[in-house]
Amino acid sequence: MTDLYVSEKTCDERHKGLDKEFDRIERRLNAHSEQIDSMQEAIIKLTTLVDSIGKKSVYDKILTLSVLIIAVVLLAVILGPEYVGKILGGM
């Protein structure tokens, strides 16, 4: 049986490489964690918005739809119908 010997220099180099890889993975994990937090906040806001829309009366919904239509018409007047068609077509 042969003795396997790894020099201290080789061991240190491998540890440095592993440390760099660990740091890279930790940075990516932290970035993903921040993205997940942002998505959770957005989901909470959307859930709150959907709940509030569901509680609104029919008249509030009609008013909201009317304001949206007025905004689209004003956008068409300002930008022109071809741009508005592109914007609405992309939705």
PDB file of N, CA and C in Angstrom:
ATOM      1  N   MET A   1       0.835  -1.167   0.000  1.00  0.00           N
ATOM      2  CA  MET A   1       0.000   0.000   0.000  1.00  0.00           C
ATOM      3  C   MET A   1       0.886   1.237   0.000  1.00  0.00           C
ATOM      4  N   THR A   2       0.510   2.224  -0.808  1.00  0.00           N
ATOM      5  CA  THR A   2       1.314   3.436  -0.890  1.00  0.00           C
ATOM      6  C   THR A   2       0.683   4.519  -0.052  1.00  0.00           C
ATOM      7  N   ASP A   3       1.522   5.322   0.511  1.00  0.00           N
ATOM      8  CA  ASP A   3       1.038   6.477   1.267  1.00  0.00           C
ATOM      9  C   ASP A   3       0.719   7.595   0.291  1.00  0.00           C
ATOM     10  N   LEU A   4      -0.456   8.152   0.440  1.00  0.00           N
ATOM     11  CA  LEU A   4      -0.813   9.292  -0.394  1.00  0.00           C
ATOM     12  C   LEU A   4      -0.488  10.540   0.395  1.00  0.00           C
ATOM     13  N   TYR A   5       0.276  11.382  -0.204  1.00  0.00           N
ATOM     14  CA  TYR A   5       0.689  12.604   0.472  1.00  0.00           C
ATOM     15  C   TYR A   5       0.314  13.773  -0.413  1.00  0.00           C
ATOM     16  N   VAL A   6      -0.364  14.743   0.172  1.00  0.00           N
ATOM     17  CA  VAL A   6      -0.708  15.971  -0.542  1.00  0.00           C
ATOM     18  C   VAL A   6       0.085  17.075   0.120  1.00  0.00           C
ATOM     19  N   SER A   7       0.781  17.826  -0.692  1.00  0.00           N
ATOM     20  CA  SER A   7       1.602  18.889  -0.117  1.00  0.00           C
ATOM     21  C   SER A   7       0.711  19.978   0.475  1.00  0.00           C
ATOM     22  N   GLU A   8       1.260  20.691   1.408  1.00  0.00           N
ATOM     23  CA  GLU A   8       0.513  21.765   2.070  1.00  0.00           C
ATOM     24  C   GLU A   8       0.134  22.846   1.063  1.00  0.00           C
ATOM     25  N   LYS A   9       1.003  23.099   0.107  1.00  0.00           N
ATOM     26  CA  LYS A   9       0.734  24.102  -0.915  1.00  0.00           C
ATOM     27  C   LYS A   9      -0.481  23.694  -1.759  1.00  0.00           C
ATOM     28  N   THR A  10      -0.519  22.432  -2.170  1.00  0.00           N
ATOM     29  CA  THR A  10      -1.644  21.928  -2.957  1.00  0.00           C
ATOM     30  C   THR A  10      -2.931  22.020  -2.145  1.00  0.00           C
ATOM     31  N   CYS A  11      -2.851  21.653  -0.895  1.00  0.00           N
ATOM     32  CA  CYS A  11      -4.016  21.703  -0.010  1.00  0.00           C
ATOM     33  C   CYS A  11      -4.507  23.145   0.135  1.00  0.00           C
ATOM     34  N   ASP A  12      -3.579  24.072   0.337  1.00  0.00           N
ATOM     35  CA  ASP A  12      -3.961  25.491   0.478  1.00  0.00           C
ATOM     36  C   ASP A  12      -4.604  26.022  -0.798  1.00  0.00           C
ATOM     37  N   GLU A  13      -4.059  25.643  -1.953  1.00  0.00           N
ATOM     38  CA  GLU A  13      -4.627  26.084  -3.228  1.00  0.00           C
ATOM     39  C   GLU A  13      -6.044  25.545  -3.409  1.00  0.00           C
ATOM     40  N   ARG A  14      -6.244  24.301  -3.060  1.00  0.00           N
ATOM     41  CA  ARG A  14      -7.588  23.718  -3.177  1.00  0.00           C
ATOM     42  C   ARG A  14      -8.560  24.410  -2.227  1.00  0.00           C
ATOM     43  N   HIS A  15      -8.096  24.703  -1.035  1.00  0.00           N
ATOM     44  CA  HIS A  15      -8.957  25.398  -0.074  1.00  0.00           C
ATOM     45  C   HIS A  15      -9.307  26.801  -0.570  1.00  0.00           C
ATOM     46  N   LYS A  16      -8.352  27.477  -1.167  1.00  0.00           N
ATOM     47  CA  LYS A  16      -8.633  28.807  -1.713  1.00  0.00           C
ATOM     48  C   LYS A  16      -9.683  28.723  -2.813  1.00  0.00           C
ATOM     49  N   GLY A  17      -9.533  27.720  -3.681  1.00  0.00           N
ATOM     50  CA  GLY A  17     -10.510  27.534  -4.748  1.00  0.00           C
ATOM     51  C   GLY A  17     -11.892  27.214  -4.198  1.00  0.00           C
ATOM     52  N   LEU A  18     -11.934  26.363  -3.199  1.00  0.00           N
ATOM     53  CA  LEU A  18     -13.225  26.023  -2.581  1.00  0.00           C
ATOM     54  C   LEU A  18     -13.840  27.225  -1.872  1.00  0.00           C
ATOM     55  N   ASP A  19     -12.993  28.017  -1.214  1.00  0.00           N
ATOM     56  CA  ASP A  19     -13.493  29.226  -0.541  1.00  0.00           C
ATOM     57  C   ASP A  19     -14.075  30.209  -1.545  1.00  0.00           C
ATOM     58  N   LYS A  20     -13.405  30.374  -2.687  1.00  0.00           N
ATOM     59  CA  LYS A  20     -13.918  31.277  -3.726  1.00  0.00           C
ATOM     60  C   LYS A  20     -15.262  30.769  -4.250  1.00  0.00           C
ATOM     61  N   GLU A  21     -15.349  29.467  -4.481  1.00  0.00           N
ATOM     62  CA  GLU A  21     -16.593  28.872  -4.976  1.00  0.00           C
ATOM     63  C   GLU A  21     -17.704  29.026  -3.931  1.00  0.00           C
ATOM     64  N   PHE A  22     -17.374  28.819  -2.674  1.00  0.00           N
ATOM     65  CA  PHE A  22     -18.350  28.975  -1.597  1.00  0.00           C
ATOM     66  C   PHE A  22     -18.843  30.426  -1.537  1.00  0.00           C
ATOM     67  N   ASP A  23     -17.938  31.384  -1.650  1.00  0.00           N
ATOM     68  CA  ASP A  23     -18.328  32.803  -1.633  1.00  0.00           C
ATOM     69  C   ASP A  23     -19.234  33.132  -2.814  1.00  0.00           C
ATOM     70  N   ARG A  24     -18.907  32.599  -3.989  1.00  0.00           N
ATOM     71  CA  ARG A  24     -19.728  32.846  -5.177  1.00  0.00           C
ATOM     72  C   ARG A  24     -21.130  32.280  -4.981  1.00  0.00           C
ATOM     73  N   ILE A  25     -21.203  31.066  -4.471  1.00  0.00           N
ATOM     74  CA  ILE A  25     -22.502  30.437  -4.246  1.00  0.00           C
ATOM     75  C   ILE A  25     -23.290  31.199  -3.184  1.00  0.00           C
ATOM     76  N   GLU A  26     -22.626  31.654  -2.150  1.00  0.00           N
ATOM     77  CA  GLU A  26     -23.300  32.420  -1.095  1.00  0.00           C
ATOM     78  C   GLU A  26     -23.851  33.739  -1.635  1.00  0.00           C
ATOM     79  N   ARG A  27     -23.092  34.417  -2.504  1.00  0.00           N
ATOM     80  CA  ARG A  27     -23.579  35.666  -3.117  1.00  0.00           C
ATOM     81  C   ARG A  27     -24.808  35.395  -3.975  1.00  0.00           C
ATOM     82  N   ARG A  28     -24.770  34.318  -4.746  1.00  0.00           N
ATOM     83  CA  ARG A  28     -25.924  33.966  -5.584  1.00  0.00           C
ATOM     84  C   ARG A  28     -27.133  33.624  -4.721  1.00  0.00           C
ATOM     85  N   LEU A  29     -26.907  32.895  -3.661  1.00  0.00           N
ATOM     86  CA  LEU A  29     -27.993  32.533  -2.753  1.00  0.00           C
ATOM     87  C   LEU A  29     -28.606  33.778  -2.118  1.00  0.00           C
ATOM     88  N   ASN A  30     -27.778  34.719  -1.709  1.00  0.00           N
ATOM     89  CA  ASN A  30     -28.278  35.965  -1.136  1.00  0.00           C
ATOM     90  C   ASN A  30     -29.066  36.766  -2.162  1.00  0.00           C
ATOM     91  N   ALA A  31     -28.599  36.788  -3.402  1.00  0.00           N
ATOM     92  CA  ALA A  31     -29.315  37.506  -4.460  1.00  0.00           C
ATOM     93  C   ALA A  31     -30.675  36.865  -4.702  1.00  0.00           C
ATOM     94  N   HIS A  32     -30.708  35.537  -4.727  1.00  0.00           N
ATOM     95  CA  HIS A  32     -31.987  34.839  -4.921  1.00  0.00           C
ATOM     96  C   HIS A  32     -32.921  35.089  -3.745  1.00  0.00           C
ATOM     97  N   SER A  33     -32.350  35.152  -2.555  1.00  0.00           N
ATOM     98  CA  SER A  33     -33.157  35.428  -1.366  1.00  0.00           C
ATOM     99  C   SER A  33     -33.806  36.807  -1.468  1.00  0.00           C
ATOM    100  N   GLU A  34     -33.045  37.788  -1.939  1.00  0.00           N
ATOM    101  CA  GLU A  34     -33.590  39.137  -2.122  1.00  0.00           C
ATOM    102  C   GLU A  34     -34.695  39.131  -3.183  1.00  0.00           C
ATOM    103  N   GLN A  35     -34.496  38.372  -4.260  1.00  0.00           N
ATOM    104  CA  GLN A  35     -35.524  38.278  -5.296  1.00  0.00           C
ATOM    105  C   GLN A  35     -36.789  37.634  -4.751  1.00  0.00           C
ATOM    106  N   ILE A  36     -36.632  36.601  -3.956  1.00  0.00           N
ATOM    107  CA  ILE A  36     -37.797  35.936  -3.369  1.00  0.00           C
ATOM    108  C   ILE A  36     -38.536  36.901  -2.442  1.00  0.00           C
ATOM    109  N   ASP A  37     -37.794  37.672  -1.655  1.00  0.00           N
ATOM    110  CA  ASP A  37     -38.427  38.661  -0.781  1.00  0.00           C
ATOM    111  C   ASP A  37     -39.215  39.679  -1.592  1.00  0.00           C
ATOM    112  N   SER A  38     -38.636  40.141  -2.703  1.00  0.00           N
ATOM    113  CA  SER A  38     -39.329  41.101  -3.568  1.00  0.00           C
ATOM    114  C   SER A  38     -40.596  40.498  -4.158  1.00  0.00           C
ATOM    115  N   MET A  39     -40.508  39.232  -4.578  1.00  0.00           N
ATOM    116  CA  MET A  39     -41.684  38.567  -5.136  1.00  0.00           C
ATOM    117  C   MET A  39     -42.768  38.389  -4.076  1.00  0.00           C
ATOM    118  N   GLN A  40     -42.362  38.074  -2.860  1.00  0.00           N
ATOM    119  CA  GLN A  40     -43.343  37.925  -1.783  1.00  0.00           C
ATOM    120  C   GLN A  40     -44.063  39.248  -1.529  1.00  0.00           C
ATOM    121  N   GLU A  41     -43.315  40.346  -1.519  1.00  0.00           N
ATOM    122  CA  GLU A  41     -43.926  41.659  -1.322  1.00  0.00           C
ATOM    123  C   GLU A  41     -44.904  41.973  -2.453  1.00  0.00           C
ATOM    124  N   ALA A  42     -44.514  41.663  -3.690  1.00  0.00           N
ATOM    125  CA  ALA A  42     -45.389  41.919  -4.834  1.00  0.00           C
ATOM    126  C   ALA A  42     -46.655  41.073  -4.748  1.00  0.00           C
ATOM    127  N   ILE A  43     -46.517  39.820  -4.344  1.00  0.00           N
ATOM    128  CA  ILE A  43     -47.691  38.943  -4.216  1.00  0.00           C
ATOM    129  C   ILE A  43     -48.637  39.467  -3.143  1.00  0.00           C
ATOM    130  N   ILE A  44     -48.082  39.945  -2.042  1.00  0.00           N
ATOM    131  CA  ILE A  44     -48.917  40.508  -0.975  1.00  0.00           C
ATOM    132  C   ILE A  44     -49.667  41.734  -1.482  1.00  0.00           C
ATOM    133  N   LYS A  45     -48.963  42.597  -2.219  1.00  0.00           N
ATOM    134  CA  LYS A  45     -49.617  43.793  -2.766  1.00  0.00           C
ATOM    135  C   LYS A  45     -50.713  43.414  -3.752  1.00  0.00           C
ATOM    136  N   LEU A  46     -50.435  42.448  -4.633  1.00  0.00           N
ATOM    137  CA  LEU A  46     -51.438  42.021  -5.605  1.00  0.00           C
ATOM    138  C   LEU A  46     -52.639  41.376  -4.920  1.00  0.00           C
ATOM    139  N   THR A  47     -52.386  40.579  -3.902  1.00  0.00           N
ATOM    140  CA  THR A  47     -53.476  39.947  -3.165  1.00  0.00           C
ATOM    141  C   THR A  47     -54.347  41.004  -2.499  1.00  0.00           C
ATOM    142  N   THR A  48     -53.718  42.008  -1.904  1.00  0.00           N
ATOM    143  CA  THR A  48     -54.453  43.099  -1.279  1.00  0.00           C
ATOM    144  C   THR A  48     -55.271  43.854  -2.319  1.00  0.00           C
ATOM    145  N   LEU A  49     -54.678  44.103  -3.485  1.00  0.00           N
ATOM    146  CA  LEU A  49     -55.380  44.814  -4.553  1.00  0.00           C
ATOM    147  C   LEU A  49     -56.593  44.018  -5.034  1.00  0.00           C
ATOM    148  N   VAL A  50     -56.400  42.711  -5.239  1.00  0.00           N
ATOM    149  CA  VAL A  50     -57.511  41.870  -5.694  1.00  0.00           C
ATOM    150  C   VAL A  50     -58.618  41.834  -4.643  1.00  0.00           C
ATOM    151  N   ASP A  51     -58.234  41.734  -3.389  1.00  0.00           N
ATOM    152  CA  ASP A  51     -59.233  41.739  -2.319  1.00  0.00           C
ATOM    153  C   ASP A  51     -60.004  43.050  -2.289  1.00  0.00           C
ATOM    154  N   SER A  52     -59.285  44.165  -2.453  1.00  0.00           N
ATOM    155  CA  SER A  52     -59.959  45.460  -2.405  1.00  0.00           C
ATOM    156  C   SER A  52     -60.862  45.663  -3.623  1.00  0.00           C
ATOM    157  N   ILE A  53     -60.464  45.145  -4.783  1.00  0.00           N
ATOM    158  CA  ILE A  53     -61.304  45.257  -5.977  1.00  0.00           C
ATOM    159  C   ILE A  53     -62.568  44.425  -5.800  1.00  0.00           C
ATOM    160  N   GLY A  54     -62.425  43.265  -5.202  1.00  0.00           N
ATOM    161  CA  GLY A  54     -63.588  42.410  -4.977  1.00  0.00           C
ATOM    162  C   GLY A  54     -64.589  43.028  -4.017  1.00  0.00           C
ATOM    163  N   LYS A  55     -64.131  43.879  -3.124  1.00  0.00           N
ATOM    164  CA  LYS A  55     -65.003  44.507  -2.135  1.00  0.00           C
ATOM    165  C   LYS A  55     -65.643  45.791  -2.655  1.00  0.00           C
ATOM    166  N   LYS A  56     -65.154  46.307  -3.763  1.00  0.00           N
ATOM    167  CA  LYS A  56     -65.699  47.546  -4.299  1.00  0.00           C
ATOM    168  C   LYS A  56     -67.097  47.311  -4.859  1.00  0.00           C
ATOM    169  N   SER A  57     -67.859  48.367  -4.843  1.00  0.00           N
ATOM    170  CA  SER A  57     -69.201  48.265  -5.406  1.00  0.00           C
ATOM    171  C   SER A  57     -69.121  48.280  -6.928  1.00  0.00           C
ATOM    172  N   VAL A  58     -70.215  47.971  -7.550  1.00  0.00           N
ATOM    173  CA  VAL A  58     -70.294  47.953  -9.010  1.00  0.00           C
ATOM    174  C   VAL A  58     -69.987  49.340  -9.560  1.00  0.00           C
ATOM    175  N   TYR A  59     -70.439  50.369  -8.885  1.00  0.00           N
ATOM    176  CA  TYR A  59     -70.224  51.733  -9.353  1.00  0.00           C
ATOM    177  C   TYR A  59     -68.745  52.108  -9.321  1.00  0.00           C
ATOM    178  N   ASP A  60     -68.023  51.643  -8.302  1.00  0.00           N
ATOM    179  CA  ASP A  60     -66.585  51.892  -8.245  1.00  0.00           C
ATOM    180  C   ASP A  60     -65.871  51.184  -9.397  1.00  0.00           C
ATOM    181  N   LYS A  61     -66.310  49.978  -9.719  1.00  0.00           N
ATOM    182  CA  LYS A  61     -65.697  49.241 -10.827  1.00  0.00           C
ATOM    183  C   LYS A  61     -65.972  49.927 -12.156  1.00  0.00           C
ATOM    184  N   ILE A  62     -67.184  50.431 -12.326  1.00  0.00           N
ATOM    185  CA  ILE A  62     -67.533  51.165 -13.556  1.00  0.00           C
ATOM    186  C   ILE A  62     -66.706  52.435 -13.654  1.00  0.00           C
ATOM    187  N   LEU A  63     -66.531  53.129 -12.526  1.00  0.00           N
ATOM    188  CA  LEU A  63     -65.720  54.349 -12.512  1.00  0.00           C
ATOM    189  C   LEU A  63     -64.268  54.032 -12.875  1.00  0.00           C
ATOM    190  N   THR A  64     -63.722  52.957 -12.321  1.00  0.00           N
ATOM    191  CA  THR A  64     -62.346  52.565 -12.625  1.00  0.00           C
ATOM    192  C   THR A  64     -62.202  52.228 -14.107  1.00  0.00           C
ATOM    193  N   LEU A  65     -63.145  51.489 -14.660  1.00  0.00           N
ATOM    194  CA  LEU A  65     -63.112  51.142 -16.073  1.00  0.00           C
ATOM    195  C   LEU A  65     -63.228  52.397 -16.938  1.00  0.00           C
ATOM    196  N   SER A  66     -64.085  53.345 -16.540  1.00  0.00           N
ATOM    197  CA  SER A  66     -64.249  54.593 -17.294  1.00  0.00           C
ATOM    198  C   SER A  66     -62.963  55.399 -17.308  1.00  0.00           C
ATOM    199  N   VAL A  67     -62.299  55.483 -16.166  1.00  0.00           N
ATOM    200  CA  VAL A  67     -61.028  56.218 -16.097  1.00  0.00           C
ATOM    201  C   VAL A  67     -59.988  55.547 -16.983  1.00  0.00           C
ATOM    202  N   LEU A  68     -59.959  54.222 -17.003  1.00  0.00           N
ATOM    203  CA  LEU A  68     -59.022  53.502 -17.864  1.00  0.00           C
ATOM    204  C   LEU A  68     -59.302  53.796 -19.338  1.00  0.00           C
ATOM    205  N   ILE A  69     -60.565  53.793 -19.720  1.00  0.00           N
ATOM    206  CA  ILE A  69     -60.928  54.086 -21.114  1.00  0.00           C
ATOM    207  C   ILE A  69     -60.541  55.507 -21.478  1.00  0.00           C
ATOM    208  N   ILE A  70     -60.803  56.462 -20.592  1.00  0.00           N
ATOM    209  CA  ILE A  70     -60.419  57.855 -20.844  1.00  0.00           C
ATOM    210  C   ILE A  70     -58.904  57.952 -21.003  1.00  0.00           C
ATOM    211  N   ALA A  71     -58.155  57.243 -20.168  1.00  0.00           N
ATOM    212  CA  ALA A  71     -56.689  57.282 -20.270  1.00  0.00           C
ATOM    213  C   ALA A  71     -56.225  56.731 -21.611  1.00  0.00           C
ATOM    214  N   VAL A  72     -56.833  55.654 -22.091  1.00  0.00           N
ATOM    215  CA  VAL A  72     -56.457  55.075 -23.384  1.00  0.00           C
ATOM    216  C   VAL A  72     -56.788  56.042 -24.514  1.00  0.00           C
ATOM    217  N   VAL A  73     -57.938  56.694 -24.439  1.00  0.00           N
ATOM    218  CA  VAL A  73     -58.319  57.652 -25.475  1.00  0.00           C
ATOM    219  C   VAL A  73     -57.353  58.833 -25.484  1.00  0.00           C
ATOM    220  N   LEU A  74     -57.023  59.361 -24.301  1.00  0.00           N
ATOM    221  CA  LEU A  74     -56.055  60.467 -24.241  1.00  0.00           C
ATOM    222  C   LEU A  74     -54.688  60.024 -24.762  1.00  0.00           C
ATOM    223  N   LEU A  75     -54.309  58.814 -24.460  1.00  0.00           N
ATOM    224  CA  LEU A  75     -53.037  58.287 -24.961  1.00  0.00           C
ATOM    225  C   LEU A  75     -53.065  58.206 -26.485  1.00  0.00           C
ATOM    226  N   ALA A  76     -54.200  57.806 -27.047  1.00  0.00           N
ATOM    227  CA  ALA A  76     -54.337  57.723 -28.504  1.00  0.00           C
ATOM    228  C   ALA A  76     -54.258  59.108 -29.125  1.00  0.00           C
ATOM    229  N   VAL A  77     -54.841  60.104 -28.467  1.00  0.00           N
ATOM    230  CA  VAL A  77     -54.806  61.468 -28.995  1.00  0.00           C
ATOM    231  C   VAL A  77     -53.385  62.013 -28.941  1.00  0.00           C
ATOM    232  N   ILE A  78     -52.676  61.727 -27.858  1.00  0.00           N
ATOM    233  CA  ILE A  78     -51.326  62.272 -27.686  1.00  0.00           C
ATOM    234  C   ILE A  78     -50.310  61.526 -28.545  1.00  0.00           C
ATOM    235  N   LEU A  79     -50.306  60.207 -28.505  1.00  0.00           N
ATOM    236  CA  LEU A  79     -49.291  59.428 -29.217  1.00  0.00           C
ATOM    237  C   LEU A  79     -49.692  59.025 -30.628  1.00  0.00           C
ATOM    238  N   GLY A  80     -50.949  58.964 -30.874  1.00  0.00           N
ATOM    239  CA  GLY A  80     -51.422  58.502 -32.174  1.00  0.00           C
ATOM    240  C   GLY A  80     -51.908  57.078 -32.059  1.00  0.00           C
ATOM    241  N   PRO A  81     -52.868  56.721 -32.898  1.00  0.00           N
ATOM    242  CA  PRO A  81     -53.493  55.397 -32.781  1.00  0.00           C
ATOM    243  C   PRO A  81     -52.548  54.223 -33.056  1.00  0.00           C
ATOM    244  N   GLU A  82     -51.546  54.402 -33.926  1.00  0.00           N
ATOM    245  CA  GLU A  82     -50.677  53.272 -34.229  1.00  0.00           C
ATOM    246  C   GLU A  82     -49.823  52.871 -33.023  1.00  0.00           C
ATOM    247  N   TYR A  83     -49.371  53.843 -32.219  1.00  0.00           N
ATOM    248  CA  TYR A  83     -48.596  53.524 -31.025  1.00  0.00           C
ATOM    249  C   TYR A  83     -49.464  52.886 -29.957  1.00  0.00           C
ATOM    250  N   VAL A  84     -50.660  53.398 -29.808  1.00  0.00           N
ATOM    251  CA  VAL A  84     -51.575  52.834 -28.816  1.00  0.00           C
ATOM    252  C   VAL A  84     -51.947  51.397 -29.201  1.00  0.00           C
ATOM    253  N   GLY A  85     -52.136  51.152 -30.481  1.00  0.00           N
ATOM    254  CA  GLY A  85     -52.412  49.795 -30.938  1.00  0.00           C
ATOM    255  C   GLY A  85     -51.272  48.859 -30.617  1.00  0.00           C
ATOM    256  N   LYS A  86     -50.047  49.344 -30.785  1.00  0.00           N
ATOM    257  CA  LYS A  86     -48.883  48.514 -30.437  1.00  0.00           C
ATOM    258  C   LYS A  86     -48.829  48.245 -28.948  1.00  0.00           C
ATOM    259  N   ILE A  87     -49.111  49.262 -28.151  1.00  0.00           N
ATOM    260  CA  ILE A  87     -49.072  49.108 -26.694  1.00  0.00           C
ATOM    261  C   ILE A  87     -50.159  48.145 -26.234  1.00  0.00           C
ATOM    262  N   LEU A  88     -51.370  48.340 -26.699  1.00  0.00           N
ATOM    263  CA  LEU A  88     -52.484  47.480 -26.275  1.00  0.00           C
ATOM    264  C   LEU A  88     -52.354  46.085 -26.871  1.00  0.00           C
ATOM    265  N   GLY A  89     -51.787  45.988 -28.061  1.00  0.00           N
ATOM    266  CA  GLY A  89     -51.582  44.677 -28.688  1.00  0.00           C
ATOM    267  C   GLY A  89     -50.558  43.848 -27.946  1.00  0.00           C
ATOM    268  N   GLY A  90     -49.617  44.496 -27.258  1.00  0.00           N
ATOM    269  CA  GLY A  90     -48.585  43.790 -26.508  1.00  0.00           C
ATOM    270  C   GLY A  90     -49.058  43.308 -25.156  1.00  0.00           C
ATOM    271  N   MET A  91     -50.245  43.708 -24.744  1.00  0.00           N
ATOM    272  CA  MET A  91     -50.731  43.316 -23.411  1.00  0.00           C
ATOM    273  C   MET A  91     -51.240  41.926 -23.384  1.00  0.00           C
TER     274      MET A  91
END
